[in-house]
């Protein structure tokens, strides 16, 4: 059977009709409001003319993928709404099953970690997506990473903090990098990052602000560490690192034996393969320009 497109429907300013579960034009019974991150699952289901449980089922079957907010709620953008309409038509009018629909439609685009208004990355939603991308349960992720399932669950719901060392360990287990959570597509030539408009991870006494995007040979990050804050342990990865202390007092320990105390204006270079841990020794926030190459952190 050849799938045909649903008949076009005229759309007026006050008459927004959509394709319902049986391919007929329906009018939402209540006003549907689109929020900053898209439509909620309830709003999306009303637009499509199906139940929220049906939309969840389609997502479980891999037909569509929502964007998750920092608190874990599903949101659907305009492109995802259009995809849901097509799925509804193919399922309810053409009577195609999930496998057949997958063959007809392109793979669903993964939702991105939704940043807050100040550019903060929704850490929990991103970690949940990394875990599910590997088809791991919380228990399996716990066994592989050495972190408790309850901690991972709280982390994915943004109910607990995490140190850089622990976060690096978890992200590395998922086969990703911290860098991948912060980077966006870059312009073809030069990049300009205005203050206050950079993507950032803010957690457990530190802030990591991404200074470059796209596929580059180096990773530049502005690290702000609150008094007493630090890496929470040592970690290592491929590459080389260079630090320049903009303000404050930072202690860096390499391989558990080389200790360096860096003040404003001091710099430090070392191979990233050496286990490195760090902490703020100043009574105020320490800020460091941190450059790594290649971007494997």
Protein backbone atom coordinates (compact mmCIF):
# COMPACT_ATOMS: atom_id res chain seq x y z
CA UNK A 1 0.00 0.00 0.00
CA UNK A 2 1.39 3.44 -0.89
CA UNK A 3 1.04 6.04 1.84
CA UNK A 4 -0.57 9.23 0.61
CA UNK A 5 -0.48 12.61 2.29
CA UNK A 6 -3.56 13.80 4.17
CA UNK A 7 -5.72 16.37 2.39
CA UNK A 8 -4.64 19.97 2.88
CA UNK A 9 -6.78 22.00 5.26
CA UNK A 10 -7.31 25.77 4.95
CA UNK A 11 -6.00 27.64 7.95
CA UNK A 12 -7.56 30.93 8.92
CA UNK A 13 -6.34 33.31 11.61
CA UNK A 14 -9.01 32.17 14.03
CA UNK A 15 -9.59 28.71 12.57
CA UNK A 16 -6.48 26.58 13.19
CA UNK A 17 -7.56 23.03 12.29
CA UNK A 18 -5.36 19.98 12.58
CA UNK A 19 -5.49 16.35 11.51
CA UNK A 20 -7.11 14.23 14.19
CA UNK A 21 -6.62 10.58 15.05
CA UNK A 22 -8.79 9.47 12.10
CA UNK A 23 -7.44 11.95 9.59
CA UNK A 24 -10.36 14.37 9.99
CA UNK A 25 -10.19 18.07 10.72
CA UNK A 26 -10.68 18.79 14.40
CA UNK A 27 -10.62 21.94 16.44
CA UNK A 28 -8.91 21.82 19.87
CA UNK A 29 -11.53 22.16 22.58
CA UNK A 30 -9.35 24.51 24.60
CA UNK A 31 -6.82 27.16 23.68
CA UNK A 32 -3.44 25.52 23.13
CA UNK A 33 -0.52 27.61 24.32
CA UNK A 34 3.05 27.16 23.13
CA UNK A 35 5.65 27.76 25.81
CA UNK A 36 9.27 28.79 25.40
CA UNK A 37 10.45 25.20 24.99
CA UNK A 38 7.53 24.15 22.77
CA UNK A 39 4.19 22.46 23.43
CA UNK A 40 3.65 20.33 26.52
CA UNK A 41 2.60 16.73 25.91
CA UNK A 42 -0.96 17.66 26.90
CA UNK A 43 -1.05 20.57 24.44
CA UNK A 44 0.60 18.49 21.71
CA UNK A 45 -1.90 15.65 22.12
CA UNK A 46 -4.81 18.11 21.82
CA UNK A 47 -3.35 19.55 18.62
CA UNK A 48 -2.96 16.09 17.11
CA UNK A 49 -6.26 14.73 18.41
CA UNK A 50 -4.83 11.79 20.34
CA UNK A 51 -4.29 11.05 24.02
CA UNK A 52 -1.06 11.90 25.87
CA UNK A 53 -0.54 8.17 26.51
CA UNK A 54 -0.56 7.60 22.74
CA UNK A 55 2.14 10.24 22.25
CA UNK A 56 4.20 8.60 25.02
CA UNK A 57 3.77 5.23 23.31
CA UNK A 58 4.98 6.66 20.00
CA UNK A 59 8.03 8.07 21.75
CA UNK A 60 8.77 4.69 23.38
CA UNK A 61 8.51 3.07 19.94
CA UNK A 62 11.10 5.52 18.59
CA UNK A 63 8.72 7.31 16.22
CA UNK A 64 9.27 10.74 17.75
CA UNK A 65 11.53 12.26 20.38
CA UNK A 66 10.62 15.08 22.71
CA UNK A 67 12.80 17.77 24.20
CA UNK A 68 13.14 17.48 27.97
CA UNK A 69 13.21 20.45 30.32
CA UNK A 70 15.56 20.65 33.30
CA UNK A 71 12.83 19.08 35.46
CA UNK A 72 12.26 16.25 32.97
CA UNK A 73 8.99 17.41 31.36
CA UNK A 74 8.39 16.63 27.68
CA UNK A 75 8.09 19.45 25.15
CA UNK A 76 7.44 19.29 21.40
CA UNK A 77 8.56 21.96 18.92
CA UNK A 78 6.90 22.86 15.63
CA UNK A 79 8.92 20.27 13.70
CA UNK A 80 8.00 17.56 16.19
CA UNK A 81 4.32 18.57 16.05
CA UNK A 82 4.39 18.18 12.27
CA UNK A 83 5.97 14.75 12.70
CA UNK A 84 3.30 13.72 15.21
CA UNK A 85 0.59 14.73 12.73
CA UNK A 86 2.20 12.59 10.05
CA UNK A 87 2.51 9.64 12.43
CA UNK A 88 -1.17 10.00 13.38
CA UNK A 89 -2.21 9.94 9.74
CA UNK A 90 -0.05 6.95 8.82
CA UNK A 91 -1.16 5.02 11.91
CA UNK A 92 -4.87 5.75 11.92
CA UNK A 93 -5.70 6.37 8.26
CA UNK A 94 -3.19 4.17 6.43
CA UNK A 95 -3.24 1.59 9.27
CA UNK A 96 0.56 1.23 9.25
CA UNK A 97 2.38 -0.24 12.24
CA UNK A 98 5.40 1.31 13.96
CA UNK A 99 7.94 -0.59 11.83
CA UNK A 100 6.35 0.56 8.59
CA UNK A 101 6.14 4.16 9.81
CA UNK A 102 9.83 4.09 10.74
CA UNK A 103 10.70 3.00 7.21
CA UNK A 104 8.70 5.87 5.71
CA UNK A 105 9.85 8.66 8.00
CA UNK A 106 13.40 9.93 8.58
CA UNK A 107 14.91 9.17 11.96
CA UNK A 108 13.55 11.49 14.65
CA UNK A 109 15.87 14.27 15.67
CA UNK A 110 16.99 14.01 19.27
CA UNK A 111 15.86 16.81 21.51
CA UNK A 112 18.65 18.99 22.81
CA UNK A 113 19.40 19.83 26.40
CA UNK A 114 17.16 22.82 26.94
CA UNK A 115 19.06 25.81 28.32
CA UNK A 116 17.48 28.17 30.79
CA UNK A 117 17.11 31.84 29.96
CA UNK A 118 20.60 32.61 31.24
CA UNK A 119 22.15 29.95 28.99
CA UNK A 120 22.50 27.29 31.68
CA UNK A 121 22.53 23.76 30.30
CA UNK A 122 19.80 21.44 31.60
CA UNK A 123 22.24 18.92 33.00
CA UNK A 124 19.76 16.30 34.21
CA UNK A 125 17.91 16.12 30.90
CA UNK A 126 21.17 15.75 28.99
CA UNK A 127 22.42 12.94 31.23
CA UNK A 128 19.09 11.13 30.91
CA UNK A 129 19.33 11.37 27.14
CA UNK A 130 22.90 10.02 27.14
CA UNK A 131 21.83 7.04 29.27
CA UNK A 132 18.77 6.24 27.19
CA UNK A 133 20.79 6.68 24.02
CA UNK A 134 22.78 3.65 25.14
CA UNK A 135 19.57 1.81 26.11
CA UNK A 136 20.67 1.56 29.75
CA UNK A 137 18.45 1.34 32.80
CA UNK A 138 19.43 3.27 35.92
CA UNK A 139 20.59 0.01 37.46
CA UNK A 140 22.79 -0.81 34.46
CA UNK A 141 24.26 2.69 34.45
CA UNK A 142 24.89 2.36 38.17
CA UNK A 143 26.73 -0.92 37.70
CA UNK A 144 28.87 0.45 34.88
CA UNK A 145 29.71 3.82 36.39
CA UNK A 146 30.03 2.79 40.03
CA UNK A 147 27.49 5.44 41.09
CA UNK A 148 24.31 4.50 42.92
CA UNK A 149 21.04 4.26 40.99
CA UNK A 150 19.37 6.62 43.48
CA UNK A 151 22.09 9.21 42.92
CA UNK A 152 21.78 8.91 39.13
CA UNK A 153 18.00 9.26 39.37
CA UNK A 154 18.29 12.39 41.53
CA UNK A 155 20.93 13.79 39.19
CA UNK A 156 18.72 13.30 36.13
CA UNK A 157 15.91 15.12 37.92
CA UNK A 158 18.27 17.96 38.96
CA UNK A 159 17.65 17.11 42.62
CA UNK A 160 21.31 16.83 43.60
CA UNK A 161 24.66 18.39 42.79
CA UNK A 162 27.68 16.75 41.22
CA UNK A 163 31.38 17.56 41.24
CA UNK A 164 33.35 17.94 37.99
CA UNK A 165 35.29 14.72 38.64
CA UNK A 166 32.13 12.66 39.17
CA UNK A 167 30.37 14.28 36.22
CA UNK A 168 33.38 13.60 33.98
CA UNK A 169 33.40 9.97 35.13
CA UNK A 170 29.71 9.51 34.31
CA UNK A 171 29.82 11.29 30.95
CA UNK A 172 32.92 9.30 29.97
CA UNK A 173 31.10 6.05 30.82
CA UNK A 174 28.32 7.13 28.44
CA UNK A 175 30.92 7.60 25.71
CA UNK A 176 30.62 11.39 25.59
CA UNK A 177 32.53 14.44 26.85
CA UNK A 178 31.69 17.42 29.04
CA UNK A 179 32.52 19.51 26.01
CA UNK A 180 29.68 17.93 24.01
CA UNK A 181 27.11 19.22 26.51
CA UNK A 182 28.17 22.81 26.02
CA UNK A 183 29.01 23.18 22.35
CA UNK A 184 26.64 24.39 19.68
CA UNK A 185 27.00 24.69 15.91
CA UNK A 186 29.57 27.33 15.02
CA UNK A 187 29.60 29.97 12.26
CA UNK A 188 31.86 29.14 9.29
CA UNK A 189 34.69 31.52 10.20
CA UNK A 190 34.93 33.74 13.29
CA UNK A 191 33.06 33.32 16.58
CA UNK A 192 31.97 36.06 18.92
CA UNK A 193 30.71 35.15 22.40
CA UNK A 194 29.14 38.02 24.31
CA UNK A 195 29.31 38.05 28.09
CA UNK A 196 26.07 36.73 29.52
CA UNK A 197 25.22 34.81 26.33
CA UNK A 198 27.39 31.72 26.78
CA UNK A 199 26.17 28.19 27.49
CA UNK A 200 27.18 27.06 30.96
CA UNK A 201 27.04 24.26 33.50
CA UNK A 202 26.38 25.60 37.00
CA UNK A 203 26.66 23.00 39.73
CA UNK A 204 28.17 22.15 43.10
CA UNK A 205 30.17 25.34 43.64
CA UNK A 206 31.47 25.86 40.11
CA UNK A 207 30.45 27.31 36.74
CA UNK A 208 31.83 26.14 33.38
CA UNK A 209 31.19 28.62 30.53
CA UNK A 210 31.86 27.50 26.96
CA UNK A 211 33.89 30.03 24.93
CA UNK A 212 34.07 28.27 21.55
CA UNK A 213 31.65 26.16 19.52
CA UNK A 214 31.71 23.76 16.62
CA UNK A 215 34.50 21.38 15.59
CA UNK A 216 37.74 23.01 16.73
CA UNK A 217 41.19 21.76 17.69
CA UNK A 218 41.00 23.35 21.12
CA UNK A 219 38.46 23.86 23.88
CA UNK A 220 38.37 27.15 25.77
CA UNK A 221 36.35 27.40 28.98
CA UNK A 222 35.91 30.07 31.64
CA UNK A 223 35.84 28.28 35.00
CA UNK A 224 34.50 30.07 38.10
CA UNK A 225 35.00 28.27 41.42
CA UNK A 226 33.36 29.35 44.67
CA UNK A 227 35.40 29.42 47.91
CA UNK A 228 36.23 25.88 48.97
CA UNK A 229 34.92 24.46 45.71
CA UNK A 230 36.89 22.26 43.37
CA UNK A 231 37.00 19.23 41.12
CA UNK A 232 35.89 16.82 43.84
CA UNK A 233 38.64 14.38 42.92
CA UNK A 234 41.17 13.81 40.17
CA UNK A 235 40.51 12.78 36.57
CA UNK A 236 42.45 12.42 33.33
CA UNK A 237 41.84 12.35 29.58
CA UNK A 238 43.74 12.67 26.32
CA UNK A 239 45.37 15.95 25.32
CA UNK A 240 47.08 18.96 26.85
CA UNK A 241 45.84 21.77 29.10
CA UNK A 242 46.76 25.39 29.76
CA UNK A 243 45.46 27.49 32.68
CA UNK A 244 45.55 31.24 33.20
CA UNK A 245 44.26 32.54 36.55
CA UNK A 246 42.22 35.71 36.00
CA UNK A 247 41.52 36.24 39.69
CA UNK A 248 41.72 34.29 42.93
CA UNK A 249 43.91 31.46 44.17
CA UNK A 250 43.79 27.96 42.65
CA UNK A 251 45.54 24.80 43.83
CA UNK A 252 46.27 22.15 41.20
CA UNK A 253 47.58 18.67 42.07
CA UNK A 254 49.00 16.44 39.31
CA UNK A 255 49.24 12.66 39.73
CA UNK A 256 48.80 13.12 43.47
CA UNK A 257 52.38 14.35 43.89
CA UNK A 258 52.98 17.64 42.05
CA UNK A 259 51.25 20.54 43.79
CA UNK A 260 50.94 24.03 42.32
CA UNK A 261 49.40 27.13 43.89
CA UNK A 262 48.37 29.61 41.22
CA UNK A 263 47.51 33.25 41.89
CA UNK A 264 46.21 35.99 39.63
CA UNK A 265 48.30 36.19 36.47
CA UNK A 266 49.93 32.76 36.93
CA UNK A 267 49.76 30.08 34.22
CA UNK A 268 50.18 26.32 34.20
CA UNK A 269 50.59 23.78 31.40
CA UNK A 270 50.46 19.97 31.75
CA UNK A 271 49.51 16.84 29.79
CA UNK A 272 45.85 15.99 30.39
CA UNK A 273 46.84 12.32 30.75
CA UNK A 274 48.19 13.19 34.22
CA UNK A 275 45.45 12.84 36.82
CA UNK A 276 44.60 16.37 37.87
CA UNK A 277 42.48 17.78 40.66
CA UNK A 278 41.93 21.39 41.66
CA UNK A 279 40.30 23.58 44.30
CA UNK A 280 39.81 27.24 45.16
CA UNK A 281 41.97 28.39 48.08
CA UNK A 282 40.73 32.00 48.03
CA UNK A 283 37.97 33.44 50.27
CA UNK A 284 36.23 34.68 47.13
CA UNK A 285 35.43 33.26 43.67
CA UNK A 286 38.43 32.16 41.60
CA UNK A 287 38.14 32.57 37.83
CA UNK A 288 40.37 30.67 35.39
CA UNK A 289 40.70 30.67 31.61
CA UNK A 290 41.07 26.95 30.84
CA UNK A 291 42.26 25.81 27.39
CA UNK A 292 42.50 22.16 26.34
CA UNK A 293 43.49 20.50 23.07
CA UNK A 294 42.00 18.43 21.63
CA UNK A 295 38.56 18.95 23.23
CA UNK A 296 38.36 15.63 25.09
CA UNK A 297 37.22 16.89 28.53
